Protein backbone atom coordinates (compact mmCIF):
# COMPACT_ATOMS: atom_id res chain seq x y z
CA UNK A 1 0.01 -0.05 -0.11
CA UNK A 2 2.78 2.25 0.91
CA UNK A 3 4.17 1.59 -3.07
CA UNK A 4 1.15 2.52 -4.21
CA UNK A 5 1.18 5.70 -2.25
CA UNK A 6 5.04 6.62 -2.59
CA UNK A 7 4.53 6.16 -6.63
CA UNK A 8 1.42 8.75 -6.82
CA UNK A 9 3.38 11.17 -5.02
CA UNK A 10 6.24 11.08 -7.64
CA UNK A 11 3.27 11.35 -10.17
CA UNK A 12 1.43 13.95 -8.78
CA UNK A 13 5.16 15.86 -8.13
CA UNK A 14 5.90 15.21 -12.16
CA UNK A 15 2.95 16.65 -13.54
CA UNK A 16 2.92 19.68 -12.12
CA UNK A 17 6.63 20.52 -12.68
CA UNK A 18 5.63 19.78 -16.14
CA UNK A 19 2.78 21.57 -16.02
CA UNK A 20 4.52 24.53 -14.90
CA UNK A 21 7.23 24.59 -17.53
CA UNK A 22 4.90 24.15 -20.24
CA UNK A 23 2.59 27.54 -19.33
CA UNK A 24 6.14 29.30 -18.54
CA UNK A 25 7.13 28.76 -22.06
CA UNK A 26 3.71 29.64 -23.37
CA UNK A 27 3.65 33.07 -21.59
CA UNK A 28 7.28 33.43 -22.75
CA UNK A 29 6.70 33.06 -26.09
CA UNK A 30 3.27 34.90 -25.82
CA UNK A 31 5.47 38.16 -24.80
CA UNK A 32 7.71 37.31 -27.89
CA UNK A 33 5.18 37.32 -30.48
CA UNK A 34 3.18 40.14 -29.31
CA UNK A 35 6.26 42.30 -29.54
CA UNK A 36 6.30 40.99 -32.98
CA UNK A 37 3.05 41.81 -33.88
CA UNK A 38 1.65 44.08 -36.40
CA UNK A 39 -0.86 46.85 -36.29
CA UNK A 40 -3.33 45.09 -38.48
CA UNK A 41 -3.29 42.51 -35.72
CA UNK A 42 -3.20 44.75 -32.74
CA UNK A 43 -6.69 44.22 -31.16
CA UNK A 44 -6.35 40.56 -30.89
CA UNK A 45 -5.63 38.90 -27.83
CA UNK A 46 -2.78 36.35 -28.24
CA UNK A 47 -3.37 34.93 -24.52
CA UNK A 48 -6.06 33.61 -23.19
CA UNK A 49 -6.96 32.86 -19.60
CA UNK A 50 -9.98 30.64 -18.53
CA UNK A 51 -10.99 30.08 -15.34
CA UNK A 52 -14.25 27.64 -14.56
CA UNK A 53 -16.23 25.03 -12.59
CA UNK A 54 -18.06 21.98 -13.69
CA UNK A 55 -20.71 19.62 -11.56
CA UNK A 56 -19.68 16.26 -12.24
CA UNK A 57 -21.66 12.98 -12.15
CA UNK A 58 -19.24 10.15 -11.47
CA UNK A 59 -19.33 6.70 -11.93
CA UNK A 60 -18.97 3.84 -9.40
CA UNK A 61 -15.62 2.37 -9.29
CA UNK A 62 -15.54 -0.30 -6.93
CA UNK A 63 -17.32 -3.68 -6.13
CA UNK A 64 -19.49 -3.63 -2.26
CA UNK A 65 -17.99 -5.74 0.16
CA UNK A 66 -20.56 -8.38 0.97
CA UNK A 67 -21.16 -11.38 3.28
CA UNK A 68 -23.38 -13.58 3.56
CA UNK A 69 -25.36 -12.18 6.57
CA UNK A 70 -26.14 -9.75 4.22
CA UNK A 71 -28.05 -11.80 1.89
CA UNK A 72 -31.15 -12.45 4.14
CA UNK A 73 -31.93 -14.90 7.23
CA UNK A 74 -29.21 -17.87 7.55
CA UNK A 75 -30.48 -21.23 7.99
CA UNK A 76 -30.89 -23.11 11.48
CA UNK A 77 -27.75 -24.93 12.17
CA UNK A 78 -27.30 -27.73 14.91
CA UNK A 79 -27.25 -26.51 18.64
CA UNK A 80 -24.06 -26.19 19.34
CA UNK A 81 -24.64 -25.54 23.42
CA UNK A 82 -25.35 -28.21 25.91
CA UNK A 83 -26.56 -27.26 29.62
CA UNK A 84 -26.25 -29.29 32.44
CA UNK A 85 -29.85 -29.42 33.83
CA UNK A 86 -31.56 -29.96 30.49
CA UNK A 87 -33.75 -33.30 29.84
CA UNK A 88 -33.33 -33.88 26.21
CA UNK A 89 -32.17 -31.93 23.35
CA UNK A 90 -33.51 -28.21 23.18
CA UNK A 91 -36.75 -27.52 20.93
CA UNK A 92 -36.39 -24.84 17.91
CA UNK A 93 -39.71 -22.57 18.51
CA UNK A 94 -40.87 -20.42 15.75
CA UNK A 95 -39.85 -16.67 16.30
CA UNK A 96 -41.26 -13.46 15.74
CA UNK A 97 -41.73 -12.15 12.07
CA UNK A 98 -40.50 -8.48 12.11
CA UNK A 99 -39.51 -6.35 9.06
CA UNK A 100 -35.53 -6.94 8.96
CA UNK A 101 -33.50 -5.34 5.79
CA UNK A 102 -30.84 -7.26 5.40
CA UNK A 103 -28.70 -5.57 2.96
CA UNK A 104 -28.64 -2.14 4.53
CA UNK A 105 -24.94 -2.31 5.24
CA UNK A 106 -24.58 -2.37 0.91
CA UNK A 107 -26.47 1.02 1.08
CA UNK A 108 -23.78 2.43 3.39
CA UNK A 109 -21.25 1.76 0.60
CA UNK A 110 -23.38 3.76 -2.16
CA UNK A 111 -19.77 5.98 -2.89
CA UNK A 112 -21.14 9.92 -3.63
CA UNK A 113 -22.86 10.54 -6.84
CA UNK A 114 -21.29 13.78 -7.51
CA UNK A 115 -18.37 16.02 -7.10
CA UNK A 116 -17.45 19.47 -7.84
CA UNK A 117 -14.15 20.11 -10.51
CA UNK A 118 -12.80 23.00 -11.64
CA UNK A 119 -10.45 23.59 -14.97
CA UNK A 120 -7.93 26.14 -15.83
CA UNK A 121 -6.86 26.50 -19.16
CA UNK A 122 -4.28 28.63 -20.70
CA UNK A 123 -3.97 29.78 -24.79
CA UNK A 124 -1.23 31.35 -26.82
CA UNK A 125 -2.52 32.14 -30.49
CA UNK A 126 0.56 33.72 -32.42
CA UNK A 127 -0.25 37.17 -34.04
CA UNK A 128 -1.41 36.75 -37.87
CA UNK A 129 -1.19 33.36 -37.24
CA UNK A 130 -4.27 30.55 -37.72
CA UNK A 131 -1.97 27.90 -34.70
CA UNK A 132 -2.85 27.87 -31.24
CA UNK A 133 -0.87 26.29 -28.23
CA UNK A 134 -2.68 25.71 -24.99
CA UNK A 135 -2.19 23.98 -21.30
CA UNK A 136 -5.60 23.02 -19.83
CA UNK A 137 -5.82 20.96 -16.32
CA UNK A 138 -9.78 19.72 -15.45
CA UNK A 139 -9.32 18.45 -11.43
CA UNK A 140 -12.20 17.40 -9.03
CA UNK A 141 -12.66 15.68 -6.07
CA UNK A 142 -15.10 14.13 -3.66
CA UNK A 143 -15.79 12.57 0.11
CA UNK A 144 -18.31 11.00 1.21
CA UNK A 145 -19.21 9.25 4.31
CA UNK A 146 -22.33 7.39 5.15
CA UNK A 147 -23.44 5.64 8.04
CA UNK A 148 -26.53 3.39 8.26
CA UNK A 149 -28.53 1.88 11.49
CA UNK A 150 -31.21 0.09 12.49
CA UNK A 151 -32.67 -1.60 15.62
CA UNK A 152 -35.76 -3.83 16.03
CA UNK A 153 -37.70 -4.82 19.17
CA UNK A 154 -38.81 -8.47 18.71
CA UNK A 155 -41.04 -9.30 21.23
CA UNK A 156 -41.51 -13.26 22.28
CA UNK A 157 -44.08 -14.67 24.26
CA UNK A 158 -43.27 -17.83 26.97
CA UNK A 159 -44.29 -19.69 29.77
CA UNK A 160 -41.29 -19.93 31.92
CA UNK A 161 -42.90 -22.32 34.73
CA UNK A 162 -45.12 -25.37 34.84
CA UNK A 163 -44.62 -26.24 38.51
CA UNK A 164 -46.05 -22.90 39.78
CA UNK A 165 -49.21 -20.92 38.93
CA UNK A 166 -47.93 -20.03 35.35
CA UNK A 167 -46.03 -16.87 34.82
CA UNK A 168 -45.91 -15.69 30.97
CA UNK A 169 -42.34 -13.55 30.37
CA UNK A 170 -42.38 -11.39 27.52
CA UNK A 171 -38.51 -10.16 26.65
CA UNK A 172 -37.28 -8.05 23.98
CA UNK A 173 -35.07 -9.17 21.53
CA UNK A 174 -33.22 -6.97 19.80
CA UNK A 175 -31.85 -7.45 15.66
CA UNK A 176 -29.87 -4.82 14.88
CA UNK A 177 -26.90 -3.73 12.09
CA UNK A 178 -24.75 -1.01 11.74
CA UNK A 179 -22.58 0.02 9.01
CA UNK A 180 -19.58 2.76 8.42
CA UNK A 181 -18.58 3.63 4.85
CA UNK A 182 -16.05 6.51 4.21
CA UNK A 183 -14.91 7.10 0.44
CA UNK A 184 -12.21 9.42 -1.15
CA UNK A 185 -12.14 10.00 -4.81
CA UNK A 186 -9.94 12.42 -7.16
CA UNK A 187 -9.43 12.85 -10.85
CA UNK A 188 -7.26 15.01 -12.33
CA UNK A 189 -7.20 15.37 -16.57
CA UNK A 190 -3.84 17.53 -18.35
CA UNK A 191 -3.69 18.38 -22.02
CA UNK A 192 -1.27 19.58 -24.12
CA UNK A 193 -2.51 20.56 -27.49
CA UNK A 194 -1.71 22.58 -30.52
CA UNK A 195 -4.74 23.50 -32.87
CA UNK A 196 -4.84 25.39 -36.28
CA UNK A 197 -8.40 27.02 -37.27
CA UNK A 198 -8.99 25.34 -40.48
CA UNK A 199 -11.51 28.16 -41.68
CA UNK A 200 -14.65 26.16 -42.13
CA UNK A 201 -17.06 28.79 -43.01
CA UNK A 202 -20.20 26.18 -43.68
CA UNK A 203 -21.86 27.87 -40.31
CA UNK A 204 -21.08 32.26 -41.39
CA UNK A 205 -18.45 33.72 -42.29
CA UNK A 206 -17.47 34.38 -38.71
CA UNK A 207 -17.01 30.34 -37.55
CA UNK A 208 -13.90 29.63 -35.64
CA UNK A 209 -13.60 25.84 -36.42
CA UNK A 210 -10.38 24.55 -34.91
CA UNK A 211 -8.89 21.19 -34.84
CA UNK A 212 -6.16 20.28 -31.55
CA UNK A 213 -3.59 17.53 -31.53
CA UNK A 214 -1.51 16.94 -28.43
CA UNK A 215 -1.17 14.40 -25.47
CA UNK A 216 -3.62 13.75 -22.46
CA UNK A 217 -2.54 12.70 -19.36
CA UNK A 218 -5.09 11.53 -16.92
CA UNK A 219 -5.04 10.09 -13.24
CA UNK A 220 -7.80 8.46 -11.09
CA UNK A 221 -7.80 7.32 -7.81
CA UNK A 222 -10.44 6.34 -5.14
CA UNK A 223 -9.90 5.03 -1.39
CA UNK A 224 -12.56 3.25 1.02
CA UNK A 225 -13.13 1.64 4.45
CA UNK A 226 -15.93 0.12 5.68
CA UNK A 227 -17.22 -1.26 9.35
CA UNK A 228 -20.50 -3.84 9.38
CA UNK A 229 -21.30 -4.70 12.44
CA UNK A 230 -24.94 -6.81 12.50
CA UNK A 231 -26.98 -9.28 14.85
CA UNK A 232 -29.57 -9.99 11.63
CA UNK A 233 -30.77 -13.49 13.07
CA UNK A 234 -32.21 -14.80 15.51
CA UNK A 235 -33.40 -19.05 16.98
CA UNK A 236 -35.51 -19.28 19.96
CA UNK A 237 -35.02 -22.48 22.05
CA UNK A 238 -37.22 -24.08 24.59
CA UNK A 239 -35.98 -26.35 27.09
CA UNK A 240 -37.23 -28.85 29.76
CA UNK A 241 -35.24 -28.42 33.16
CA UNK A 242 -35.34 -30.31 35.89
CA UNK A 243 -33.19 -30.15 39.53
CA UNK A 244 -32.98 -29.45 42.79
CA UNK A 245 -31.64 -25.71 42.38
CA UNK A 246 -34.53 -25.22 39.37
CA UNK A 247 -37.14 -27.05 39.65
CA UNK A 248 -39.36 -28.57 37.42
CA UNK A 249 -39.48 -25.84 34.80
CA UNK A 250 -39.76 -24.80 30.98
CA UNK A 251 -36.87 -22.23 30.18
CA UNK A 252 -36.73 -20.23 27.01
CA UNK A 253 -33.11 -19.41 25.17
CA UNK A 254 -32.46 -17.48 22.36
CA UNK A 255 -29.48 -18.04 20.31
CA UNK A 256 -27.68 -14.44 18.35
CA UNK A 257 -25.30 -14.26 15.78
CA UNK A 258 -23.19 -11.87 15.38
CA UNK A 259 -21.35 -10.65 12.55
CA UNK A 260 -18.54 -8.44 11.74
CA UNK A 261 -16.85 -6.52 8.31
CA UNK A 262 -14.17 -4.54 8.19
CA UNK A 263 -12.48 -3.75 4.36
CA UNK A 264 -10.69 -1.21 3.13
CA UNK A 265 -9.21 -0.57 -0.53
CA UNK A 266 -6.93 2.00 -2.76
CA UNK A 267 -7.50 2.18 -6.17
CA UNK A 268 -5.69 4.53 -9.03
CA UNK A 269 -4.97 5.00 -12.77
CA UNK A 270 -2.19 6.85 -14.28
CA UNK A 271 -1.93 6.96 -18.26
CA UNK A 272 -0.87 8.84 -20.67
CA UNK A 273 -1.56 9.28 -24.57
CA UNK A 274 -2.19 11.15 -27.72
CA UNK A 275 -5.10 13.07 -28.03
CA UNK A 276 -7.64 14.29 -30.88
CA UNK A 277 -10.66 17.37 -30.95
CA UNK A 278 -12.33 19.10 -32.68
CA UNK A 279 -14.18 22.27 -31.56
CA UNK A 280 -16.30 25.31 -33.08
CA UNK A 281 -17.79 28.38 -32.45
CA UNK A 282 -20.92 30.11 -34.33
CA UNK A 283 -22.02 33.62 -33.53
CA UNK A 284 -26.04 34.01 -33.65
CA UNK A 285 -26.94 37.36 -32.11
CA UNK A 286 -24.93 40.93 -31.95
CA UNK A 287 -21.75 42.34 -33.28
CA UNK A 288 -18.06 40.79 -32.88
CA UNK A 289 -16.60 44.24 -32.57
CA UNK A 290 -18.93 44.76 -29.17
CA UNK A 291 -20.57 41.63 -27.77
CA UNK A 292 -22.19 38.69 -29.47
CA UNK A 293 -23.83 35.28 -28.47
CA UNK A 294 -22.53 32.37 -29.63
CA UNK A 295 -23.23 28.55 -29.90
CA UNK A 296 -20.13 26.46 -29.27
CA UNK A 297 -19.62 23.00 -29.40
CA UNK A 298 -16.41 20.38 -29.26
CA UNK A 299 -15.47 16.31 -29.34
CA UNK A 300 -12.79 14.89 -28.32
CA UNK A 301 -10.93 11.28 -28.51
CA UNK A 302 -7.77 9.96 -26.99
CA UNK A 303 -5.73 6.73 -26.59
CA UNK A 304 -4.21 6.49 -23.21
CA UNK A 305 -1.41 3.73 -22.09
CA UNK A 306 -0.80 3.23 -17.94
CA UNK A 307 -1.15 1.49 -14.86
CA UNK A 308 -4.03 0.54 -13.22
CA UNK A 309 -3.27 -1.11 -9.75
CA UNK A 310 -5.40 -2.16 -6.45
CA UNK A 311 -5.24 -3.16 -2.73
CA UNK A 312 -7.53 -4.41 -1.12
CA UNK A 313 -8.41 -6.24 2.42
CA UNK A 314 -11.26 -7.50 4.35
CA UNK A 315 -11.78 -9.89 6.72
CA UNK A 316 -15.36 -11.07 8.65
CA UNK A 317 -16.26 -13.16 11.58
CA UNK A 318 -18.96 -14.58 12.81
CA UNK A 319 -19.57 -15.04 16.91
CA UNK A 320 -22.39 -16.85 17.78
CA UNK A 321 -23.75 -16.50 21.67
CA UNK A 322 -26.73 -18.16 23.84
CA UNK A 323 -28.94 -16.19 26.03
CA UNK A 324 -31.42 -17.78 28.32
CA UNK A 325 -34.77 -15.55 29.64
CA UNK A 326 -35.23 -17.22 32.52
CA UNK A 327 -31.61 -17.30 34.66
CA UNK A 328 -28.42 -16.08 34.02
CA UNK A 329 -26.79 -18.27 31.39
CA UNK A 330 -24.64 -16.33 28.80
CA UNK A 331 -22.42 -18.87 26.40
CA UNK A 332 -20.30 -17.89 23.40
CA UNK A 333 -18.72 -20.01 20.49
CA UNK A 334 -16.33 -18.16 17.47
CA UNK A 335 -17.32 -20.10 14.68
CA UNK A 336 -15.24 -18.54 12.10
CA UNK A 337 -12.83 -15.50 11.26
CA UNK A 338 -12.12 -15.15 7.49
CA UNK A 339 -9.91 -12.98 5.63
CA UNK A 340 -7.49 -10.65 6.58
CA UNK A 341 -5.06 -11.14 3.68
CA UNK A 342 -4.28 -8.29 1.20
CA UNK A 343 -4.81 -8.48 -2.80
CA UNK A 344 -2.68 -6.63 -4.68
CA UNK A 345 -3.06 -5.89 -8.29
CA UNK A 346 -0.91 -4.27 -10.72
CA UNK A 347 -1.29 -4.53 -14.46
CA UNK A 348 -0.58 -2.08 -17.84
CA UNK A 349 -4.07 -1.60 -19.63
CA UNK A 350 -4.82 0.53 -22.81
CA UNK A 351 -7.77 2.87 -21.95
CA UNK A 352 -10.18 4.99 -24.95
CA UNK A 353 -11.05 7.71 -23.94
CA UNK A 354 -14.07 9.66 -25.82
CA UNK A 355 -15.94 13.28 -24.74
CA UNK A 356 -17.71 16.55 -25.95
CA UNK A 357 -19.33 19.48 -24.84
CA UNK A 358 -21.78 21.98 -26.29
CA UNK A 359 -23.25 25.03 -24.77
CA UNK A 360 -23.57 29.12 -25.29
CA UNK A 361 -21.03 32.19 -24.93
CA UNK A 362 -21.51 35.42 -24.52
CA UNK A 363 -18.32 37.34 -26.03
CA UNK A 364 -16.65 40.33 -25.94
CA UNK A 365 -13.43 41.39 -27.83
CA UNK A 366 -11.29 40.99 -24.78
CA UNK A 367 -13.48 38.32 -22.47
CA UNK A 368 -15.92 35.53 -22.74
CA UNK A 369 -18.60 33.82 -20.17
CA UNK A 370 -19.61 30.65 -20.89
CA UNK A 371 -22.12 28.03 -19.72
CA UNK A 372 -22.82 24.55 -21.14
CA UNK A 373 -23.06 20.49 -20.61
CA UNK A 374 -19.51 18.52 -20.93
CA UNK A 375 -19.06 14.61 -20.97
CA UNK A 376 -15.81 12.19 -21.00
CA UNK A 377 -15.99 8.37 -20.56
CA UNK A 378 -12.08 6.60 -20.00
CA UNK A 379 -13.12 2.84 -21.04
CA UNK A 380 -11.70 0.36 -18.61
CA UNK A 381 -9.57 2.48 -16.74
CA UNK A 382 -10.26 1.14 -12.80
CA UNK A 383 -10.05 -2.34 -11.01
CA UNK A 384 -13.46 -2.71 -9.19
CA UNK A 385 -13.09 -6.26 -8.12
CA UNK A 386 -12.23 -7.39 -4.44
CA UNK A 387 -10.67 -10.69 -4.11
CA UNK A 388 -10.21 -10.72 -8.40
CA UNK A 389 -10.27 -8.08 -10.89
CA UNK A 390 -12.64 -6.70 -13.00
CA UNK A 391 -12.34 -3.64 -14.96
CA UNK A 392 -14.93 -0.81 -14.59
CA UNK A 393 -15.32 2.36 -16.73
CA UNK A 394 -14.69 5.94 -15.18
CA UNK A 395 -17.37 8.93 -16.58
CA UNK A 396 -17.36 12.36 -15.83
CA UNK A 397 -20.70 14.64 -16.87
CA UNK A 398 -22.30 17.22 -16.09
CA UNK A 399 -22.94 21.24 -16.52
CA UNK A 400 -19.82 23.37 -16.43
CA UNK A 401 -19.31 27.40 -16.17
CA UNK A 402 -16.28 29.49 -17.56
CA UNK A 403 -15.19 32.63 -17.61
CA UNK A 404 -12.18 33.69 -20.04
CA UNK A 405 -9.88 37.08 -20.29
CA UNK A 406 -8.30 38.16 -23.30
CA UNK A 407 -4.29 39.08 -22.82
CA UNK A 408 -1.58 41.25 -24.99
CA UNK A 409 -3.15 42.30 -28.51
């Protein structure tokens, strides 16, 4: 697990250094080109700085931790306890039928469905040129903590004595489940692109249509831990006792099955590869010299080559307990303890990526405000399995807003 964390730290340092270097080159180049711009092109900004945010719907990239006690009532098992005062074996008697949600611990493991992401982009457009150079970063994270608890009071009516006047006891038998789950997710997408305005005028004279090619880097990480304690089922037994101390009587005992589950996981993907995109902007109201509204659109695709890692550890236990209602008698047995061995996997994967966006912008000569909807899909990026590997897609989609400022010119 420490290897995963050290590797992630090295990737993060490299990523930020690379972005800072490219950004510095872009700004220096912008100043140099700006100084050589001619008077006829003096009004066009040569550097655009864009900042924005996106409300993102997240995909589920991990399987739930399950155990047999979450699947429903367990079948009756042979009685494991003995009693020195009992005559004959205990008799299993019907228990109360009280609604109980055995799958509630699974509901607590649902990861966050949304996150808020930020984005930043710097674009350099040299004067007297149809070429553009850009570096863009999108980053998002989400944290989720869920707690699910349920308790039922099951009433059992039983005759406790037969050698004295009838005495009815109605003890409370409690069934419960309690689950805590914590989930952390982060994602980052970094693009370096070179583009050219291909000048397709099919949508109008002032339409911009840019084809970009470059390199895309993507990183996804998730961490989770789950703790479950449950006493979801019970079995009621009756005894016929006869002793000098207790006398003749019927005793009723309840057998409880107490379960526990503890699990944690770390998963990640780091990949880099070539990317290609096509974007356009078409004005439909206004004047480009003052202000205008535009319809913006774009599609993108990439092939990422990287490494997929996961480290998963989980363990479960079942503790069997018998308690009688008529006098103090409490016995416990540990039936099993399973798991505790980490499942560590790492492999090289190729991840196709496609996406697109559409929106509207209010554009000024040196500024732009945009609203729209964007989606990105990364196929087979994460290992979602528990004991064995299972690939899962990663997707981010939702509305976005951004503001751009033009400098120079």
